[in-house]
Amino acid sequence: MDDIEAVLLDMDGTLVDSDGAVERAWRRWAADYRVDPETVLRISPGKTALTTIRQVAPHLDAQAARRAARYQTELQLADAVDTKPLPGATCLLDTLDRLALPWAVVTSADADLAAARLGAAGITPPVLVTADDVRAGKPDPEGYRLAAARLGVPAERCLVVEDAPAGIAAGQRAGARVAALRGHPADLRIPDLHALVALLTPPAAG
């Protein structure tokens, strides 16, 4: 890991535990729009609400799809207060700061939802890239390339940490090395963030 100069982290499911809130919001949305909730939950991880809605409700025109995405985000915002950091998240961020490794959060959430969840979890990223900052969401690499540029580090020298196939693909397309949670295939597979801390921490001398 000596060649890594920055770490780019996904938010939901990687840094913060929002799985319950995300599932509740999508199930409510699916019921209101008469869409199969299991299909929505299968394809939504790592993607923006609008991207998911365009896939599961292609009959909606552009304006209706944007309205549906705003509603879905509002459902998640109303359920963001209980968001907590995932195990190892605080230790990882402290380690990055101690090692003077720049880091950023790159999320498919919009700015309001990202601020609510990160704030509830007590996480203040030095650089935050949200769905509002990019034209194309994950699996497009734009978000990770933008975060790397804002940190002043080539994407090829960054480590992306992700928990969803769309985000993993985005990191790989950006040219970064990718560490994946939840058993997904990537350059590195890690069981949790504590394992990443161990990989990043130089062994003690002696």
Foldseek 3Di string as FASTA:
>chain_A
DVLAQAEEEEPDPAWKDCVVQLLVLLVVLCVVVVFPSVQLVVPPPQAQQLVSCCVGPVVDPPVRSVVSSVSSLVSSLVVQLQMATDPQNVVLVVLCVVVVRAYEYEYARAPSNVCSNCVSHVHDHPYYHYVVNDPGGFVALVRLCVRCVVVVHQLLNYEYEEADPRVQNNSVVSNYFYEYEPPDDGNHDDPGNVRVSVVPDDDDDD
